[in-house]
Amino acid sequence: MFKNVFRSGFLIRTAHVILTWVITLILFLHDTDLRRQRENGELMQPVVFSLLVLLSVMLYFTVSLMDPGFVLSDSVKYGQGSGEELEEMIPQNPIPRLRRCGYCLLQQQPMRAKHCQACKHCVRRFDHHCPWIENCVGERNHRCFIIYLAVQLLALLWALQIAWSGFHSSDTWKLWLIVNGFLLASLCVVGVLSLVVVLLLGCHLFLISINSTTWEFMSRHRISYLKSYSDEENPFDRGILCNLWDFFCMCRTVVWEQVYYRGSHNHV
């Protein structure tokens, strides 16, 4: 389920952990609300904030090291049933022919899957390859990725408030920079990361609400099973509530060919 932590993403993951805890240490060492509460014996918020940061780091590693839904071979790509069962599940009506992957040499690439050249595997319900986690976001880890973004955003916004509380006035700008330089740098880094995470989380929630992926949304004109649909149509869309329910509450491998047939049947 998990890949070796010492592979290609080791440096990126190490940088993430170091940056996270360096900023956290700066927030505790400067005269911020966290330090004042700790010195006054009010440990609730410092402890909760530390646990939130720890949770964000744990979720980061979970998403980063988790199998995103690799398609290992033709014989195991539908690990949820036998060939006869799958034939019954997938209607025989005409649907776009499944593609052959020239990299993995899969004879039939599952619908909504795409080969990732960075991971060197086809990934089920491929969304994108995220360089920050050095892993693909796909069918198996997309939900965890969204939860990680939400927790990370909460930690970043709280860190912004804590950092802002630590600034103090000085007689000159030079003296002010000497006193608040590290805190100012932390505030800038946290502010930029907060903006990125807000935009990323908002975009993903929108795509989830219409049951689309980043790859499908950006490249639908080049995807065989979406070419016959207009930009406003999506054969996998079951409505906002059903899409959100399926994404966050359903823990199973989906046969997208079957969903596609139902959507294309309604489309016709």
Protein backbone atom coordinates (compact mmCIF):
# COMPACT_ATOMS: atom_id res chain seq x y z
CA MET A 1 0.00 0.00 0.00
CA PHE A 2 2.78 2.40 0.82
CA LYS A 3 5.87 3.16 -1.23
CA ASN A 4 9.39 3.40 0.11
CA VAL A 5 9.93 6.78 1.76
CA PHE A 6 13.53 6.87 0.56
CA ARG A 7 12.62 6.93 -3.13
CA SER A 8 12.53 10.00 -5.38
CA GLY A 9 10.25 12.07 -3.15
CA PHE A 10 12.44 11.88 -0.06
CA LEU A 11 13.93 15.37 -0.43
CA ILE A 12 10.55 16.99 -1.06
CA ARG A 13 8.95 15.27 1.91
CA THR A 14 11.89 16.14 4.13
CA ALA A 15 11.68 19.79 3.04
CA HIS A 16 7.96 19.82 3.84
CA VAL A 17 8.51 18.48 7.36
CA ILE A 18 11.42 20.84 8.08
CA LEU A 19 9.51 23.89 6.81
CA THR A 20 6.43 22.94 8.84
CA TRP A 21 8.24 22.53 12.14
CA VAL A 22 10.58 25.50 11.65
CA ILE A 23 7.58 27.80 11.20
CA THR A 24 5.85 26.17 14.17
CA LEU A 25 8.97 26.68 16.30
CA ILE A 26 9.18 30.36 15.28
CA LEU A 27 5.55 30.86 16.31
CA PHE A 28 6.29 29.36 19.73
CA LEU A 29 9.56 31.23 20.34
CA HIS A 30 8.39 34.72 19.38
CA ASP A 31 6.15 36.78 21.64
CA THR A 32 2.94 35.49 20.05
CA ASP A 33 -0.35 34.42 21.56
CA LEU A 34 0.96 30.85 21.75
CA ARG A 35 3.98 31.81 23.82
CA ARG A 36 1.99 34.10 26.12
CA GLN A 37 -0.64 31.42 26.73
CA ARG A 38 2.03 28.82 27.41
CA GLU A 39 3.82 31.09 29.87
CA ASN A 40 0.52 31.82 31.64
CA GLY A 41 -0.23 28.12 32.01
CA GLU A 42 -3.05 28.20 29.43
CA LEU A 43 -2.05 25.13 27.47
CA MET A 44 -5.27 24.32 25.62
CA GLN A 45 -4.64 26.32 22.43
CA PRO A 46 -0.88 25.55 22.19
CA VAL A 47 -1.58 21.83 22.55
CA VAL A 48 -4.48 21.87 20.06
CA PHE A 49 -2.42 23.84 17.54
CA SER A 50 0.51 21.43 17.88
CA LEU A 51 -1.80 18.45 17.40
CA LEU A 52 -3.34 20.10 14.33
CA VAL A 53 0.10 20.61 12.81
CA LEU A 54 1.03 17.02 13.64
CA LEU A 55 -2.20 15.80 12.03
CA SER A 56 -1.45 17.78 8.87
CA VAL A 57 2.01 16.20 8.64
CA MET A 58 0.58 12.70 9.15
CA LEU A 59 -2.04 13.28 6.45
CA TYR A 60 0.65 14.62 4.14
CA PHE A 61 2.64 11.41 4.45
CA THR A 62 -0.49 9.30 4.11
CA VAL A 63 -1.43 10.95 0.81
CA SER A 64 2.18 11.06 -0.37
CA LEU A 65 2.96 7.38 0.26
CA MET A 66 -0.46 5.89 -0.46
CA ASP A 67 -1.22 3.89 -3.59
CA PRO A 68 -3.36 6.32 -5.66
CA GLY A 69 -4.94 3.46 -7.60
CA PHE A 70 -2.21 1.97 -9.73
CA VAL A 71 -3.37 -0.40 -12.48
CA LEU A 72 -0.81 -3.16 -12.18
CA SER A 73 -1.87 -5.50 -14.99
CA ASP A 74 -4.81 -6.54 -17.12
CA SER A 75 -5.46 -9.53 -14.89
CA VAL A 76 -5.87 -7.55 -11.64
CA LYS A 77 -7.08 -4.18 -12.80
CA TYR A 78 -10.64 -4.90 -11.72
CA GLY A 79 -9.81 -6.45 -8.36
CA GLN A 80 -13.46 -6.46 -7.28
CA GLY A 81 -14.81 -9.40 -9.25
CA SER A 82 -14.32 -12.18 -11.79
CA GLY A 83 -14.41 -11.79 -15.53
CA GLU A 84 -17.95 -13.16 -15.79
CA GLU A 85 -19.20 -10.75 -13.14
CA LEU A 86 -17.59 -7.84 -14.92
CA GLU A 87 -19.16 -8.78 -18.22
CA GLU A 88 -22.55 -8.58 -16.55
CA MET A 89 -21.72 -5.24 -14.93
CA ILE A 90 -20.48 -3.56 -18.12
CA PRO A 91 -23.25 -3.21 -20.72
CA GLN A 92 -22.50 -4.50 -24.20
CA ASN A 93 -23.94 -1.44 -25.93
CA PRO A 94 -21.43 0.57 -27.94
CA ILE A 95 -19.17 2.75 -25.82
CA PRO A 96 -15.81 4.30 -26.73
CA ARG A 97 -13.20 1.61 -27.14
CA LEU A 98 -10.90 1.31 -24.14
CA ARG A 99 -7.42 2.55 -24.87
CA ARG A 100 -4.23 0.53 -24.90
CA CYS A 101 -1.43 1.98 -22.79
CA GLY A 102 1.81 2.09 -24.75
CA TYR A 103 3.85 2.52 -21.56
CA CYS A 104 2.38 -0.16 -19.27
CA LEU A 105 1.44 -2.37 -22.24
CA LEU A 106 -2.06 -2.78 -20.81
CA GLN A 107 -4.39 -4.08 -23.49
CA GLN A 108 -7.40 -2.28 -21.99
CA GLN A 109 -6.82 0.79 -19.87
CA PRO A 110 -9.78 1.32 -17.51
CA MET A 111 -11.99 4.28 -18.30
CA ARG A 112 -10.88 7.51 -16.58
CA ALA A 113 -7.41 6.03 -16.01
CA LYS A 114 -4.28 7.68 -17.35
CA HIS A 115 -0.62 6.78 -17.44
CA CYS A 116 1.61 8.94 -15.24
CA GLN A 117 5.15 9.13 -16.59
CA ALA A 118 6.46 10.31 -13.20
CA CYS A 119 5.02 7.33 -11.32
CA LYS A 120 5.43 4.98 -14.32
CA HIS A 121 1.97 3.46 -13.81
CA CYS A 122 -1.56 3.91 -15.05
CA VAL A 123 -3.72 5.40 -12.31
CA ARG A 124 -7.45 4.82 -11.84
CA ARG A 125 -9.61 7.94 -12.07
CA PHE A 126 -6.45 9.96 -12.58
CA ASP A 127 -6.70 13.55 -11.36
CA HIS A 128 -3.15 14.92 -11.52
CA HIS A 129 0.40 14.27 -10.42
CA CYS A 130 1.18 16.55 -7.50
CA PRO A 131 4.88 17.48 -7.28
CA TRP A 132 4.54 18.66 -3.66
CA ILE A 133 3.48 15.22 -2.43
CA GLU A 134 5.52 13.52 -5.19
CA ASN A 135 2.61 11.20 -5.95
CA CYS A 136 -0.40 10.97 -8.16
CA VAL A 137 -3.87 11.89 -6.94
CA GLY A 138 -6.23 9.17 -8.07
CA GLU A 139 -9.18 7.03 -7.12
CA ARG A 140 -7.74 5.61 -3.90
CA ASN A 141 -6.15 8.70 -2.33
CA HIS A 142 -8.21 11.60 -3.72
CA ARG A 143 -10.49 11.67 -0.67
CA CYS A 144 -7.49 11.73 1.69
CA PHE A 145 -5.97 14.48 -0.43
CA ILE A 146 -9.04 16.69 0.08
CA ILE A 147 -9.07 16.00 3.82
CA TYR A 148 -5.36 16.86 3.96
CA LEU A 149 -5.97 20.16 2.14
CA ALA A 150 -8.78 21.07 4.55
CA VAL A 151 -6.68 20.30 7.64
CA GLN A 152 -3.66 22.07 6.16
CA LEU A 153 -5.75 25.16 5.38
CA LEU A 154 -7.08 25.27 8.94
CA ALA A 155 -3.54 25.02 10.33
CA LEU A 156 -2.26 27.73 7.96
CA LEU A 157 -5.05 30.19 8.75
CA TRP A 158 -4.51 29.66 12.47
CA ALA A 159 -0.76 30.16 11.96
CA LEU A 160 -1.48 33.44 10.17
CA GLN A 161 -3.45 34.71 13.15
CA ILE A 162 -0.73 33.60 15.58
CA ALA A 163 2.05 35.21 13.56
CA TRP A 164 0.13 38.49 13.29
CA SER A 165 -0.25 38.59 17.08
CA GLY A 166 3.54 38.54 17.54
CA PHE A 167 4.44 41.81 15.81
CA HIS A 168 5.56 44.69 18.01
CA SER A 169 6.47 48.28 17.17
CA SER A 170 10.04 49.59 17.37
CA ASP A 171 11.73 52.97 17.16
CA THR A 172 13.19 52.39 13.68
CA TRP A 173 12.45 50.13 10.70
CA LYS A 174 15.88 48.55 11.01
CA LEU A 175 15.29 47.62 14.63
CA TRP A 176 11.78 46.40 13.75
CA LEU A 177 13.16 44.09 11.07
CA ILE A 178 15.78 42.73 13.45
CA VAL A 179 13.12 41.95 16.07
CA ASN A 180 10.40 40.69 13.72
CA GLY A 181 12.40 39.43 10.71
CA PHE A 182 11.87 35.70 11.22
CA LEU A 183 8.23 36.22 12.12
CA LEU A 184 7.70 38.34 9.00
CA ALA A 185 9.30 35.66 6.81
CA SER A 186 7.04 33.04 8.39
CA LEU A 187 4.00 35.23 7.84
CA CYS A 188 4.86 35.64 4.13
CA VAL A 189 5.43 31.91 3.61
CA VAL A 190 2.24 30.95 5.44
CA GLY A 191 0.27 33.62 3.55
CA VAL A 192 1.41 32.34 0.14
CA LEU A 193 0.74 28.72 1.10
CA SER A 194 -2.71 29.66 2.43
CA LEU A 195 -3.62 31.28 -0.88
CA VAL A 196 -2.42 28.26 -2.85
CA VAL A 197 -4.31 25.80 -0.63
CA VAL A 198 -7.52 27.88 -0.78
CA LEU A 199 -7.43 27.94 -4.58
CA LEU A 200 -6.52 24.26 -4.82
CA LEU A 201 -9.21 23.14 -2.37
CA GLY A 202 -11.85 25.32 -4.03
CA CYS A 203 -11.04 23.96 -7.49
CA HIS A 204 -11.12 20.36 -6.30
CA LEU A 205 -14.44 20.77 -4.48
CA PHE A 206 -15.94 22.25 -7.65
CA LEU A 207 -14.65 19.34 -9.76
CA ILE A 208 -15.92 16.83 -7.20
CA SER A 209 -19.37 18.46 -7.28
CA ILE A 210 -19.59 17.80 -11.04
CA ASN A 211 -17.81 14.42 -10.85
CA SER A 212 -14.90 15.48 -13.01
CA THR A 213 -11.14 15.33 -12.60
CA THR A 214 -8.46 17.91 -13.24
CA TRP A 215 -7.20 15.91 -16.22
CA GLU A 216 -10.70 15.56 -17.71
CA PHE A 217 -11.53 19.21 -17.12
CA MET A 218 -8.33 20.48 -18.73
CA SER A 219 -8.03 17.94 -21.57
CA ARG A 220 -11.59 16.86 -22.36
CA HIS A 221 -11.19 17.80 -26.05
CA ARG A 222 -8.46 15.12 -26.32
CA ILE A 223 -10.24 12.37 -24.32
CA SER A 224 -12.12 9.86 -26.47
CA TYR A 225 -15.04 9.24 -24.13
CA LEU A 226 -15.75 12.97 -23.68
CA LYS A 227 -15.36 14.22 -27.26
CA SER A 228 -19.03 13.72 -28.09
CA TYR A 229 -20.15 15.90 -25.17
CA SER A 230 -20.27 19.66 -24.97
CA ASP A 231 -18.29 21.54 -22.35
CA GLU A 232 -21.37 21.72 -20.09
CA GLU A 233 -22.13 17.98 -20.25
CA ASN A 234 -20.54 15.17 -18.26
CA PRO A 235 -21.68 11.52 -18.49
CA PHE A 236 -20.46 10.84 -14.93
CA ASP A 237 -22.39 13.71 -13.32
CA ARG A 238 -25.22 12.50 -11.04
CA GLY A 239 -26.00 15.85 -9.42
CA ILE A 240 -24.12 17.77 -6.74
CA LEU A 241 -25.42 15.88 -3.70
CA CYS A 242 -24.97 12.43 -5.23
CA ASN A 243 -21.51 13.33 -6.50
CA LEU A 244 -20.41 14.55 -3.07
CA TRP A 245 -21.95 11.50 -1.37
CA ASP A 246 -20.24 9.09 -3.77
CA PHE A 247 -16.88 10.81 -3.35
CA PHE A 248 -16.77 11.16 0.44
CA CYS A 249 -18.91 8.21 1.57
CA MET A 250 -18.50 5.40 -0.97
CA CYS A 251 -15.42 3.21 -0.43
CA ARG A 252 -15.30 0.93 -3.45
CA THR A 253 -13.77 0.59 -6.90
CA VAL A 254 -16.18 1.98 -9.47
CA VAL A 255 -16.66 0.43 -12.89
CA TRP A 256 -16.79 3.71 -14.79
CA GLU A 257 -17.78 2.02 -18.03
CA GLN A 258 -21.12 1.20 -16.45
CA VAL A 259 -21.61 4.74 -15.15
CA TYR A 260 -20.64 6.10 -18.55
CA TYR A 261 -23.18 3.90 -20.32
CA ARG A 262 -25.96 5.16 -18.07
CA GLY A 263 -24.92 8.76 -18.64
CA SER A 264 -24.59 8.32 -22.41
CA HIS A 265 -27.95 6.53 -22.54
CA ASN A 266 -29.61 9.50 -20.84
CA HIS A 267 -27.67 11.81 -23.12
CA VAL A 268 -29.09 10.10 -26.20
